[in-house]
Structure formats: C-alpha cells, structure tokens
Amino acid sequence: EHLMKLLEEIPAIIRSEIHAGRHIHIDESPMDILNPKTKGYVWSISNQMGAYYQYETTRSGRVAREMLSGYTGVIMADAYSGYEFLEKEAQVTLALCLSHVRRNFYDARESYPKAEEMLDLIEELYRLEHTAADFVQLRKVRLEESKPIVERMQQWMLGQSGRYLVNSTIGKAISYATDNWDRLIRFLDNPDIPIDNNAGGRSQRRPVMGRNNFLGFRTINGADTAMFFYTIIASCKLIGISPKGYMATMAMRALKGEKLISPYKFGLEIEASIKERLALEMPQMPFSN
C-alpha cells in the first residue's frame, strides 16, 4: 500500500504515453471477483510505449470508450462487437487482427485439408512483413507484394461459396473473414497498422497466467491493486528493464520529491547512461600517419 502511494501517478503517465503512440492494441479477458462472486474483465491497452490495465465488472464497449478517450490514431482489436462504436469515431481507424483469421483456419485444417491453402497465403503475408526494414519499405512491400496475395485470399474464399455448411469449422472461418474483410485488410494502405493484435494478446498473457494460478480477485480493491502493478510490471517487461529496479528507483525519487517518469523514459535514461559510460571508458586511439 505504501509503495502504491509513492508510485500512484505512474499508471496515468504510462497511459498518456500509450495514447501518444501511432497505434494502440486493445484486448480483454475474464477474471472473477470472489467476494461477492462477480464476473469481471481485465482490460488492457498497449503499444511499444507500455501496457495499461483496468478492471471492470462489465465487457461493455463503454470501457473501451473510456480507456481510449481522447486518442486519435489506429486501434487494433478483434471483432468483438463492443468495439463497433470505434467505426463512427472520425479520428480513429479500427483495424482487425489477421491472426484471428489464421487461428480459425488452423482449427479447421484437420477436418478440412482445403484450409491449408488459406494458411499458406497468410504465412506468405507474414513472411513479407518481416522483409521490411522501415515504414517506407513496409508501405512499398504491402502495396506491391502483399496486396496481390490478399486478392488471392479473397478469390479463394469466393471460390468456396456454397461448398461447406455455414456451421462447419471451415464455414465459420470463411464467414468470419468475409464479414470483417474491410477492417482486416486496412493494414495494406497504412504502415501504422499492425497486421495482427498479437501484442495485445501478449499483454493479456500475464493476467491469464495468473488466473491459472489463482481463482480470481478477492475484492474489487484487490483487482484495482493488481491492475496497478500489472501496468508497471508489464510496461517494464515490454521495455526490457527490471520492474524491481524501476520501482525501487522511482520510490526513492518520490521520497526525495523528485519527478517520476515512465518505464519507457527510464529505459531511455539507462540507455543514455550506458552510452556515456562506454564513451568515457573507450581508450583513445593514437592517430596514424
């Protein structure tokens, strides 16, 4: 409790920096309150700046609206209906996750080997994503090489029309892709749009793993406390710094009345300090004639 008080402003700083990013991943997963027994959800927004968590006893889109309030840019999500309101936001581009499409066809492949053809096309899209070194090259690769593959995917699905029952695994996979097609392929025209929401899924991995080790939170206050530390620890992990070291340093700064900074900014401080120390320790090379 004392540590939370010292660091209480940090989650808001992390959230603000996430909002300054070019895109945001959003996701949610169930987690119950035990006393009294209440269903709830761990919500997260994340990008390269950090991860921010919020616990709510609802899966309503109003939570997403609150967490994303004031944000302008790209939002990467799944096809959950709670995100539909984002389509009407003038300053927001809603894109959907291609990995969900892949997962559906992967689940269908054992009963319907034809699904392997779609999986091969998706695999080629991912391969191309990794050939780009920067955003300029990524735009070029997507328009010149990825776009024809996406067109082949669409033609493939059109060619399967009427061949499978709608409720079959492959029928559901095709329906999911075709129903959400426009939002699934928005990445082609905008290098700021990731191809999938896997980063959002990774942000949910920590609470999900926690759920596998304990049944839920005892109280709402306990859930809020967990979200506080999930936000700090997950952000540190994303940046690649020690959560323990970061919190200890920020706690000492708070006790001295100094300004607190996010894990991202702290990581930049560490990087600058290392470069400075290496420069001082590097031996001076004699000039050669």
C-alpha atoms as a PDB file:
ATOM      1  CA  GLU A   1       0.000   0.000   0.000  1.00  0.00           C
ATOM      2  CA  HIS A   2       2.842   2.393   0.851  1.00  0.00           C
ATOM      3  CA  LEU A   3       4.576   1.609  -2.451  1.00  0.00           C
ATOM      4  CA  MET A   4       1.346   2.252  -4.362  1.00  0.00           C
ATOM      5  CA  LYS A   5       1.028   5.639  -2.705  1.00  0.00           C
ATOM      6  CA  LEU A   6       4.570   6.574  -3.675  1.00  0.00           C
ATOM      7  CA  LEU A   7       4.084   5.480  -7.284  1.00  0.00           C
ATOM      8  CA  GLU A   8       0.399   6.361  -7.680  1.00  0.00           C
ATOM      9  CA  GLU A   9       0.908   8.749 -10.620  1.00  0.00           C
ATOM     10  CA  ILE A  10       2.866   6.296 -12.786  1.00  0.00           C
ATOM     11  CA  PRO A  11      -0.044   4.345 -14.395  1.00  0.00           C
ATOM     12  CA  ALA A  12      -1.559   7.635 -15.623  1.00  0.00           C
ATOM     13  CA  ILE A  13       1.818   8.599 -17.122  1.00  0.00           C
ATOM     14  CA  ILE A  14       2.057   5.234 -18.892  1.00  0.00           C
ATOM     15  CA  ARG A  15      -1.490   5.584 -20.235  1.00  0.00           C
ATOM     16  CA  SER A  16      -0.726   9.070 -21.553  1.00  0.00           C
ATOM     17  CA  GLU A  17       2.386   7.835 -23.368  1.00  0.00           C
ATOM     18  CA  ILE A  18       0.460   4.920 -24.889  1.00  0.00           C
ATOM     19  CA  HIS A  19      -2.069   7.455 -26.229  1.00  0.00           C
ATOM     20  CA  ALA A  20       0.802   9.315 -27.901  1.00  0.00           C
ATOM     21  CA  GLY A  21       1.700   6.242 -29.976  1.00  0.00           C
ATOM     22  CA  ARG A  22       0.908   5.633 -33.654  1.00  0.00           C
ATOM     23  CA  HIS A  23      -1.342   2.703 -32.808  1.00  0.00           C
ATOM     24  CA  ILE A  24      -2.911   1.012 -29.771  1.00  0.00           C
ATOM     25  CA  HIS A  25      -3.703  -2.640 -29.169  1.00  0.00           C
ATOM     26  CA  ILE A  26      -6.789  -3.288 -27.048  1.00  0.00           C
ATOM     27  CA  ASP A  27      -7.942  -6.584 -25.562  1.00  0.00           C
ATOM     28  CA  GLU A  28      -9.807  -8.022 -22.587  1.00  0.00           C
ATOM     29  CA  SER A  29     -10.104 -11.332 -20.759  1.00  0.00           C
ATOM     30  CA  PRO A  30     -12.431 -12.639 -17.983  1.00  0.00           C
ATOM     31  CA  MET A  31     -11.383 -12.606 -14.336  1.00  0.00           C
ATOM     32  CA  ASP A  32     -13.824 -13.024 -11.441  1.00  0.00           C
ATOM     33  CA  ILE A  33     -14.227 -11.309  -8.093  1.00  0.00           C
ATOM     34  CA  LEU A  34     -14.639 -13.923  -5.366  1.00  0.00           C
ATOM     35  CA  ASN A  35     -16.325 -11.910  -2.596  1.00  0.00           C
ATOM     36  CA  PRO A  36     -19.071 -11.358  -3.512  1.00  0.00           C
ATOM     37  CA  LYS A  37     -18.991 -13.660  -6.534  1.00  0.00           C
ATOM     38  CA  THR A  38     -18.925 -11.304  -9.520  1.00  0.00           C
ATOM     39  CA  LYS A  39     -17.868 -11.754 -13.124  1.00  0.00           C
ATOM     40  CA  GLY A  40     -15.421  -9.200 -14.431  1.00  0.00           C
ATOM     41  CA  TYR A  41     -12.778  -8.456 -17.071  1.00  0.00           C
ATOM     42  CA  VAL A  42      -9.180  -7.352 -17.224  1.00  0.00           C
ATOM     43  CA  TRP A  43      -8.924  -4.744 -19.990  1.00  0.00           C
ATOM     44  CA  SER A  44      -5.625  -3.645 -21.491  1.00  0.00           C
ATOM     45  CA  ILE A  45      -4.311  -1.107 -23.965  1.00  0.00           C
ATOM     46  CA  SER A  46      -0.714  -1.377 -25.115  1.00  0.00           C
ATOM     47  CA  ASN A  47       1.910  -0.480 -27.691  1.00  0.00           C
ATOM     48  CA  GLN A  48       5.678  -0.015 -27.752  1.00  0.00           C
ATOM     49  CA  MET A  49       5.402   2.620 -25.007  1.00  0.00           C
ATOM     50  CA  GLY A  50       3.939   0.285 -22.392  1.00  0.00           C
ATOM     51  CA  ALA A  51       0.800  -1.507 -21.210  1.00  0.00           C
ATOM     52  CA  TYR A  52      -2.068  -0.144 -19.140  1.00  0.00           C
ATOM     53  CA  TYR A  53      -4.625  -2.335 -17.328  1.00  0.00           C
ATOM     54  CA  GLN A  54      -8.076  -1.618 -15.965  1.00  0.00           C
ATOM     55  CA  TYR A  55     -10.501  -3.942 -14.174  1.00  0.00           C
ATOM     56  CA  GLU A  56     -14.249  -3.667 -14.782  1.00  0.00           C
ATOM     57  CA  THR A  57     -17.245  -5.856 -13.958  1.00  0.00           C
ATOM     58  CA  THR A  58     -18.547  -5.463 -17.497  1.00  0.00           C
ATOM     59  CA  ARG A  59     -17.447  -6.228 -21.045  1.00  0.00           C
ATOM     60  CA  SER A  60     -19.398  -3.262 -22.365  1.00  0.00           C
ATOM     61  CA  GLY A  61     -17.855  -1.096 -25.048  1.00  0.00           C
ATOM     62  CA  ARG A  62     -18.129   1.856 -22.651  1.00  0.00           C
ATOM     63  CA  VAL A  63     -14.929   0.580 -21.007  1.00  0.00           C
ATOM     64  CA  ALA A  64     -13.087   0.745 -24.333  1.00  0.00           C
ATOM     65  CA  ARG A  65     -14.555   4.209 -24.896  1.00  0.00           C
ATOM     66  CA  GLU A  66     -13.233   5.345 -21.510  1.00  0.00           C
ATOM     67  CA  MET A  67      -9.773   3.830 -21.930  1.00  0.00           C
ATOM     68  CA  LEU A  68      -9.378   5.277 -25.431  1.00  0.00           C
ATOM     69  CA  SER A  69     -10.952   8.665 -24.701  1.00  0.00           C
ATOM     70  CA  GLY A  70      -9.069  11.434 -26.496  1.00  0.00           C
ATOM     71  CA  TYR A  71      -6.955   9.067 -28.595  1.00  0.00           C
ATOM     72  CA  THR A  72      -6.519   9.699 -32.310  1.00  0.00           C
ATOM     73  CA  GLY A  73      -4.900   7.071 -34.474  1.00  0.00           C
ATOM     74  CA  VAL A  74      -5.046   3.352 -35.233  1.00  0.00           C
ATOM     75  CA  ILE A  75      -6.729   0.880 -32.894  1.00  0.00           C
ATOM     76  CA  MET A  76      -6.015  -2.815 -33.406  1.00  0.00           C
ATOM     77  CA  ALA A  77      -8.617  -5.169 -31.942  1.00  0.00           C
ATOM     78  CA  ASP A  78     -10.569  -8.356 -32.533  1.00  0.00           C
ATOM     79  CA  ALA A  79     -14.085  -8.465 -33.969  1.00  0.00           C
ATOM     80  CA  TYR A  80     -15.822  -8.128 -30.598  1.00  0.00           C
ATOM     81  CA  SER A  81     -18.990  -6.045 -31.043  1.00  0.00           C
ATOM     82  CA  GLY A  82     -18.010  -3.816 -28.115  1.00  0.00           C
ATOM     83  CA  TYR A  83     -15.527  -2.101 -30.423  1.00  0.00           C
ATOM     84  CA  GLU A  84     -18.067  -1.318 -33.153  1.00  0.00           C
ATOM     85  CA  PHE A  85     -18.531   2.252 -31.901  1.00  0.00           C
ATOM     86  CA  LEU A  86     -14.962   2.996 -32.997  1.00  0.00           C
ATOM     87  CA  GLU A  87     -16.050   2.851 -36.637  1.00  0.00           C
ATOM     88  CA  LYS A  88     -18.008   6.069 -36.056  1.00  0.00           C
ATOM     89  CA  GLU A  89     -15.079   7.936 -34.487  1.00  0.00           C
ATOM     90  CA  ALA A  90     -13.722  10.392 -37.052  1.00  0.00           C
ATOM     91  CA  GLN A  91     -10.180  10.488 -35.623  1.00  0.00           C
ATOM     92  CA  VAL A  92      -9.831   6.718 -35.209  1.00  0.00           C
ATOM     93  CA  THR A  93      -9.068   3.885 -37.621  1.00  0.00           C
ATOM     94  CA  LEU A  94     -10.280   0.489 -36.412  1.00  0.00           C
ATOM     95  CA  ALA A  95      -8.333  -2.464 -37.807  1.00  0.00           C
ATOM     96  CA  LEU A  96      -8.900  -6.137 -37.078  1.00  0.00           C
ATOM     97  CA  CYS A  97      -6.457  -8.922 -36.363  1.00  0.00           C
ATOM     98  CA  LEU A  98      -5.351 -11.262 -39.164  1.00  0.00           C
ATOM     99  CA  SER A  99      -4.090 -13.741 -36.582  1.00  0.00           C
ATOM    100  CA  HIS A 100      -7.711 -14.460 -35.613  1.00  0.00           C
ATOM    101  CA  VAL A 101      -8.396 -15.420 -39.241  1.00  0.00           C
ATOM    102  CA  ARG A 102      -5.373 -17.694 -39.246  1.00  0.00           C
ATOM    103  CA  ARG A 103      -6.460 -19.328 -35.978  1.00  0.00           C
ATOM    104  CA  ASN A 104      -9.900 -20.131 -37.389  1.00  0.00           C
ATOM    105  CA  PHE A 105      -8.497 -21.816 -40.500  1.00  0.00           C
ATOM    106  CA  TYR A 106      -5.874 -23.606 -38.414  1.00  0.00           C
ATOM    107  CA  ASP A 107      -8.632 -25.099 -36.259  1.00  0.00           C
ATOM    108  CA  ALA A 108     -10.441 -26.226 -39.424  1.00  0.00           C
ATOM    109  CA  ARG A 109      -7.486 -27.816 -41.211  1.00  0.00           C
ATOM    110  CA  GLU A 110      -7.719 -31.280 -39.627  1.00  0.00           C
ATOM    111  CA  SER A 111     -11.291 -31.868 -40.795  1.00  0.00           C
ATOM    112  CA  TYR A 112     -10.942 -29.746 -43.935  1.00  0.00           C
ATOM    113  CA  PRO A 113      -7.462 -30.017 -45.513  1.00  0.00           C
ATOM    114  CA  LYS A 114      -8.511 -27.342 -48.024  1.00  0.00           C
ATOM    115  CA  ALA A 115      -7.957 -24.799 -45.212  1.00  0.00           C
ATOM    116  CA  GLU A 116      -4.205 -25.328 -45.631  1.00  0.00           C
ATOM    117  CA  GLU A 117      -4.389 -23.283 -48.839  1.00  0.00           C
ATOM    118  CA  MET A 118      -5.554 -20.228 -46.909  1.00  0.00           C
ATOM    119  CA  LEU A 119      -2.957 -20.857 -44.196  1.00  0.00           C
ATOM    120  CA  ASP A 120      -0.208 -20.869 -46.843  1.00  0.00           C
ATOM    121  CA  LEU A 121      -1.362 -17.487 -48.161  1.00  0.00           C
ATOM    122  CA  ILE A 122      -1.459 -15.981 -44.672  1.00  0.00           C
ATOM    123  CA  GLU A 123       2.005 -17.375 -43.938  1.00  0.00           C
ATOM    124  CA  GLU A 124       3.288 -15.612 -47.059  1.00  0.00           C
ATOM    125  CA  LEU A 125       1.824 -12.305 -45.816  1.00  0.00           C
ATOM    126  CA  TYR A 126       3.665 -12.672 -42.534  1.00  0.00           C
ATOM    127  CA  ARG A 127       6.899 -13.530 -44.326  1.00  0.00           C
ATOM    128  CA  LEU A 128       6.653 -10.345 -46.359  1.00  0.00           C
ATOM    129  CA  GLU A 129       6.050  -8.262 -43.223  1.00  0.00           C
ATOM    130  CA  HIS A 130       9.454  -9.343 -41.918  1.00  0.00           C
ATOM    131  CA  THR A 131      11.289  -8.280 -45.083  1.00  0.00           C
ATOM    132  CA  ALA A 132      10.673  -4.555 -44.464  1.00  0.00           C
ATOM    133  CA  ALA A 133      13.327  -2.609 -42.562  1.00  0.00           C
ATOM    134  CA  ASP A 134      11.292   0.566 -42.008  1.00  0.00           C
ATOM    135  CA  PHE A 135       7.849   2.096 -42.549  1.00  0.00           C
ATOM    136  CA  VAL A 136       8.700   3.380 -46.033  1.00  0.00           C
ATOM    137  CA  GLN A 137       9.751  -0.061 -47.177  1.00  0.00           C
ATOM    138  CA  LEU A 138       6.790  -1.656 -45.397  1.00  0.00           C
ATOM    139  CA  ARG A 139       4.340   0.530 -47.342  1.00  0.00           C
ATOM    140  CA  LYS A 140       6.035  -0.477 -50.603  1.00  0.00           C
ATOM    141  CA  VAL A 141       6.062  -4.200 -49.735  1.00  0.00           C
ATOM    142  CA  ARG A 142       2.419  -4.178 -48.732  1.00  0.00           C
ATOM    143  CA  LEU A 143       1.210  -2.379 -51.845  1.00  0.00           C
ATOM    144  CA  GLU A 144       3.369  -4.239 -54.352  1.00  0.00           C
ATOM    145  CA  GLU A 145       3.657  -7.728 -52.872  1.00  0.00           C
ATOM    146  CA  SER A 146       1.114  -8.224 -50.081  1.00  0.00           C
ATOM    147  CA  LYS A 147      -1.855  -6.753 -51.933  1.00  0.00           C
ATOM    148  CA  PRO A 148      -1.847  -9.426 -54.697  1.00  0.00           C
ATOM    149  CA  ILE A 149      -1.789 -12.139 -52.025  1.00  0.00           C
ATOM    150  CA  VAL A 150      -4.747 -10.544 -50.244  1.00  0.00           C
ATOM    151  CA  GLU A 151      -6.619 -10.510 -53.562  1.00  0.00           C
ATOM    152  CA  ARG A 152      -5.875 -14.224 -53.976  1.00  0.00           C
ATOM    153  CA  MET A 153      -7.219 -14.850 -50.464  1.00  0.00           C
ATOM    154  CA  GLN A 154     -10.455 -13.085 -51.343  1.00  0.00           C
ATOM    155  CA  GLN A 155     -10.810 -15.003 -54.594  1.00  0.00           C
ATOM    156  CA  TRP A 156     -10.128 -18.261 -52.772  1.00  0.00           C
ATOM    157  CA  MET A 157     -12.961 -17.581 -50.307  1.00  0.00           C
ATOM    158  CA  LEU A 158     -15.343 -16.614 -53.102  1.00  0.00           C
ATOM    159  CA  GLY A 159     -14.489 -19.894 -54.784  1.00  0.00           C
ATOM    160  CA  GLN A 160     -15.541 -21.834 -51.683  1.00  0.00           C
ATOM    161  CA  SER A 161     -19.009 -20.305 -51.632  1.00  0.00           C
ATOM    162  CA  GLY A 162     -21.696 -22.953 -51.052  1.00  0.00           C
ATOM    163  CA  ARG A 163     -19.223 -25.812 -50.616  1.00  0.00           C
ATOM    164  CA  TYR A 164     -19.372 -26.055 -46.839  1.00  0.00           C
ATOM    165  CA  LEU A 165     -22.022 -25.862 -44.153  1.00  0.00           C
ATOM    166  CA  VAL A 166     -22.122 -22.451 -42.500  1.00  0.00           C
ATOM    167  CA  ASN A 167     -21.772 -24.065 -39.057  1.00  0.00           C
ATOM    168  CA  SER A 168     -18.765 -26.204 -40.012  1.00  0.00           C
ATOM    169  CA  THR A 169     -15.345 -25.087 -38.751  1.00  0.00           C
ATOM    170  CA  ILE A 170     -14.224 -24.045 -42.217  1.00  0.00           C
ATOM    171  CA  GLY A 171     -17.582 -22.398 -42.916  1.00  0.00           C
ATOM    172  CA  LYS A 172     -17.232 -20.331 -39.761  1.00  0.00           C
ATOM    173  CA  ALA A 173     -13.644 -19.440 -40.667  1.00  0.00           C
ATOM    174  CA  ILE A 174     -14.696 -18.209 -44.104  1.00  0.00           C
ATOM    175  CA  SER A 175     -17.659 -16.275 -42.692  1.00  0.00           C
ATOM    176  CA  TYR A 176     -15.514 -14.564 -40.066  1.00  0.00           C
ATOM    177  CA  ALA A 177     -13.031 -13.419 -42.701  1.00  0.00           C
ATOM    178  CA  THR A 178     -15.585 -12.274 -45.276  1.00  0.00           C
ATOM    179  CA  ASP A 179     -17.794 -10.492 -42.713  1.00  0.00           C
ATOM    180  CA  ASN A 180     -14.830  -8.467 -41.423  1.00  0.00           C
ATOM    181  CA  TRP A 181     -12.834  -8.217 -44.631  1.00  0.00           C
ATOM    182  CA  ASP A 182     -12.583  -4.419 -44.997  1.00  0.00           C
ATOM    183  CA  ARG A 183     -11.205  -3.962 -41.475  1.00  0.00           C
ATOM    184  CA  LEU A 184      -8.896  -6.965 -41.801  1.00  0.00           C
ATOM    185  CA  ILE A 185      -7.060  -5.573 -44.838  1.00  0.00           C
ATOM    186  CA  ARG A 186      -6.692  -1.943 -43.738  1.00  0.00           C
ATOM    187  CA  PHE A 187      -3.051  -2.654 -42.988  1.00  0.00           C
ATOM    188  CA  LEU A 188      -2.348  -2.676 -46.742  1.00  0.00           C
ATOM    189  CA  ASP A 189      -2.682   1.089 -47.122  1.00  0.00           C
ATOM    190  CA  ASN A 190      -1.281   2.255 -43.801  1.00  0.00           C
ATOM    191  CA  PRO A 191       2.112   1.171 -42.392  1.00  0.00           C
ATOM    192  CA  ASP A 192       0.996   2.368 -38.942  1.00  0.00           C
ATOM    193  CA  ILE A 193      -1.477  -0.521 -38.810  1.00  0.00           C
ATOM    194  CA  PRO A 194      -0.033  -3.798 -37.464  1.00  0.00           C
ATOM    195  CA  ILE A 195      -1.019  -6.971 -39.268  1.00  0.00           C
ATOM    196  CA  ASP A 196      -2.409  -8.510 -36.077  1.00  0.00           C
ATOM    197  CA  ASN A 197      -3.290  -7.928 -32.434  1.00  0.00           C
ATOM    198  CA  ASN A 198      -0.758 -10.411 -31.071  1.00  0.00           C
ATOM    199  CA  ALA A 199       0.891  -7.684 -28.987  1.00  0.00           C
ATOM    200  CA  GLY A 200      -2.472  -7.095 -27.302  1.00  0.00           C
ATOM    201  CA  GLY A 201      -2.799 -10.808 -26.676  1.00  0.00           C
ATOM    202  CA  ARG A 202       0.659 -10.893 -25.091  1.00  0.00           C
ATOM    203  CA  SER A 203      -0.395  -8.103 -22.735  1.00  0.00           C
ATOM    204  CA  GLN A 204      -3.249 -10.326 -21.588  1.00  0.00           C
ATOM    205  CA  ARG A 205      -0.958 -13.296 -21.024  1.00  0.00           C
ATOM    206  CA  ARG A 206       0.103 -12.165 -17.545  1.00  0.00           C
ATOM    207  CA  PRO A 207      -3.410 -11.913 -16.072  1.00  0.00           C
ATOM    208  CA  VAL A 208      -4.431 -15.112 -17.872  1.00  0.00           C
ATOM    209  CA  MET A 209      -1.454 -16.973 -16.403  1.00  0.00           C
ATOM    210  CA  GLY A 210      -2.389 -15.507 -13.038  1.00  0.00           C
ATOM    211  CA  ARG A 211      -5.925 -16.817 -13.476  1.00  0.00           C
ATOM    212  CA  ASN A 212      -4.460 -20.284 -13.950  1.00  0.00           C
ATOM    213  CA  ASN A 213      -2.740 -19.995 -10.568  1.00  0.00           C
ATOM    214  CA  PHE A 214      -5.493 -18.387  -8.513  1.00  0.00           C
ATOM    215  CA  LEU A 215      -9.257 -18.380  -8.850  1.00  0.00           C
ATOM    216  CA  GLY A 216      -9.729 -14.623  -9.068  1.00  0.00           C
ATOM    217  CA  PHE A 217      -9.511 -11.454  -7.023  1.00  0.00           C
ATOM    218  CA  ARG A 218     -10.930 -11.423  -3.513  1.00  0.00           C
ATOM    219  CA  THR A 219     -12.344  -7.889  -3.812  1.00  0.00           C
ATOM    220  CA  ILE A 220     -12.659  -5.014  -6.264  1.00  0.00           C
ATOM    221  CA  ASN A 221      -9.939  -3.177  -4.341  1.00  0.00           C
ATOM    222  CA  GLY A 222      -7.698  -6.203  -4.780  1.00  0.00           C
ATOM    223  CA  ALA A 223      -8.379  -6.199  -8.518  1.00  0.00           C
ATOM    224  CA  ASP A 224      -7.527  -2.495  -8.755  1.00  0.00           C
ATOM    225  CA  THR A 225      -4.291  -3.095  -6.864  1.00  0.00           C
ATOM    226  CA  ALA A 226      -3.401  -5.898  -9.263  1.00  0.00           C
ATOM    227  CA  MET A 227      -4.083  -3.625 -12.258  1.00  0.00           C
ATOM    228  CA  PHE A 228      -1.751  -1.002 -10.780  1.00  0.00           C
ATOM    229  CA  PHE A 229       1.150  -3.435 -10.552  1.00  0.00           C
ATOM    230  CA  TYR A 230       0.302  -5.229 -13.815  1.00  0.00           C
ATOM    231  CA  THR A 231       0.588  -1.831 -15.540  1.00  0.00           C
ATOM    232  CA  ILE A 232       4.021  -1.091 -14.106  1.00  0.00           C
ATOM    233  CA  ILE A 233       5.478  -4.600 -14.335  1.00  0.00           C
ATOM    234  CA  ALA A 234       4.193  -5.344 -17.858  1.00  0.00           C
ATOM    235  CA  SER A 235       5.441  -1.964 -19.106  1.00  0.00           C
ATOM    236  CA  CYS A 236       8.892  -2.666 -17.663  1.00  0.00           C
ATOM    237  CA  LYS A 237       8.922  -6.083 -19.329  1.00  0.00           C
ATOM    238  CA  LEU A 238       7.972  -4.539 -22.669  1.00  0.00           C
ATOM    239  CA  ILE A 239      10.834  -2.048 -22.417  1.00  0.00           C
ATOM    240  CA  GLY A 240      13.267  -4.716 -21.214  1.00  0.00           C
ATOM    241  CA  ILE A 241      14.100  -3.266 -17.790  1.00  0.00           C
ATOM    242  CA  SER A 242      13.864  -4.738 -14.291  1.00  0.00           C
ATOM    243  CA  PRO A 243      10.469  -3.997 -12.692  1.00  0.00           C
ATOM    244  CA  LYS A 244      12.045  -4.299  -9.224  1.00  0.00           C
ATOM    245  CA  GLY A 245      14.864  -1.909 -10.098  1.00  0.00           C
ATOM    246  CA  TYR A 246      12.495   0.552 -11.724  1.00  0.00           C
ATOM    247  CA  MET A 247      10.055   0.626  -8.805  1.00  0.00           C
ATOM    248  CA  ALA A 248      12.884   0.951  -6.268  1.00  0.00           C
ATOM    249  CA  THR A 249      14.365   3.888  -8.181  1.00  0.00           C
ATOM    250  CA  MET A 250      11.020   5.634  -8.591  1.00  0.00           C
ATOM    251  CA  ALA A 251      10.176   5.096  -4.910  1.00  0.00           C
ATOM    252  CA  MET A 252      13.449   6.768  -3.902  1.00  0.00           C
ATOM    253  CA  ARG A 253      12.714   9.670  -6.264  1.00  0.00           C
ATOM    254  CA  ALA A 254       9.232  10.028  -4.783  1.00  0.00           C
ATOM    255  CA  LEU A 255      10.662  10.155  -1.250  1.00  0.00           C
ATOM    256  CA  LYS A 256      13.037  12.908  -2.370  1.00  0.00           C
ATOM    257  CA  GLY A 257      10.223  14.837  -4.049  1.00  0.00           C
ATOM    258  CA  GLU A 258      11.733  14.294  -7.496  1.00  0.00           C
ATOM    259  CA  LYS A 259       9.806  13.863 -10.736  1.00  0.00           C
ATOM    260  CA  LEU A 260       8.665  10.333 -11.612  1.00  0.00           C
ATOM    261  CA  ILE A 261       8.932   9.002 -15.150  1.00  0.00           C
ATOM    262  CA  SER A 262       7.533   6.027 -17.058  1.00  0.00           C
ATOM    263  CA  PRO A 263       9.396   2.751 -17.649  1.00  0.00           C
ATOM    264  CA  TYR A 264       9.860   3.873 -21.269  1.00  0.00           C
ATOM    265  CA  LYS A 265      11.558   7.137 -20.263  1.00  0.00           C
ATOM    266  CA  PHE A 266      13.555   5.330 -17.581  1.00  0.00           C
ATOM    267  CA  GLY A 267      14.764   2.875 -20.205  1.00  0.00           C
ATOM    268  CA  LEU A 268      15.968   5.798 -22.313  1.00  0.00           C
ATOM    269  CA  GLU A 269      17.815   7.191 -19.277  1.00  0.00           C
ATOM    270  CA  ILE A 270      19.563   3.843 -18.749  1.00  0.00           C
ATOM    271  CA  GLU A 271      20.496   3.629 -22.429  1.00  0.00           C
ATOM    272  CA  ALA A 272      21.936   7.159 -22.409  1.00  0.00           C
ATOM    273  CA  SER A 273      23.876   6.431 -19.214  1.00  0.00           C
ATOM    274  CA  ILE A 274      25.395   3.262 -20.686  1.00  0.00           C
ATOM    275  CA  LYS A 275      26.439   5.073 -23.868  1.00  0.00           C
ATOM    276  CA  GLU A 276      28.017   7.870 -21.837  1.00  0.00           C
ATOM    277  CA  ARG A 277      29.939   5.436 -19.655  1.00  0.00           C
ATOM    278  CA  LEU A 278      31.186   3.462 -22.667  1.00  0.00           C
ATOM    279  CA  ALA A 279      32.357   6.672 -24.314  1.00  0.00           C
ATOM    280  CA  LEU A 280      34.348   7.605 -21.195  1.00  0.00           C
ATOM    281  CA  GLU A 281      35.852   4.137 -20.843  1.00  0.00           C
ATOM    282  CA  MET A 282      36.766   3.725 -24.508  1.00  0.00           C
ATOM    283  CA  PRO A 283      40.559   4.141 -24.930  1.00  0.00           C
ATOM    284  CA  GLN A 284      41.744   6.952 -27.174  1.00  0.00           C
ATOM    285  CA  MET A 285      43.289   5.533 -30.358  1.00  0.00           C
ATOM    286  CA  PRO A 286      46.527   7.186 -31.471  1.00  0.00           C
ATOM    287  CA  PHE A 287      46.448   8.974 -34.809  1.00  0.00           C
ATOM    288  CA  SER A 288      48.285   7.152 -37.574  1.00  0.00           C
ATOM    289  CA  ASN A 289      50.443   8.884 -40.144  1.00  0.00           C
END
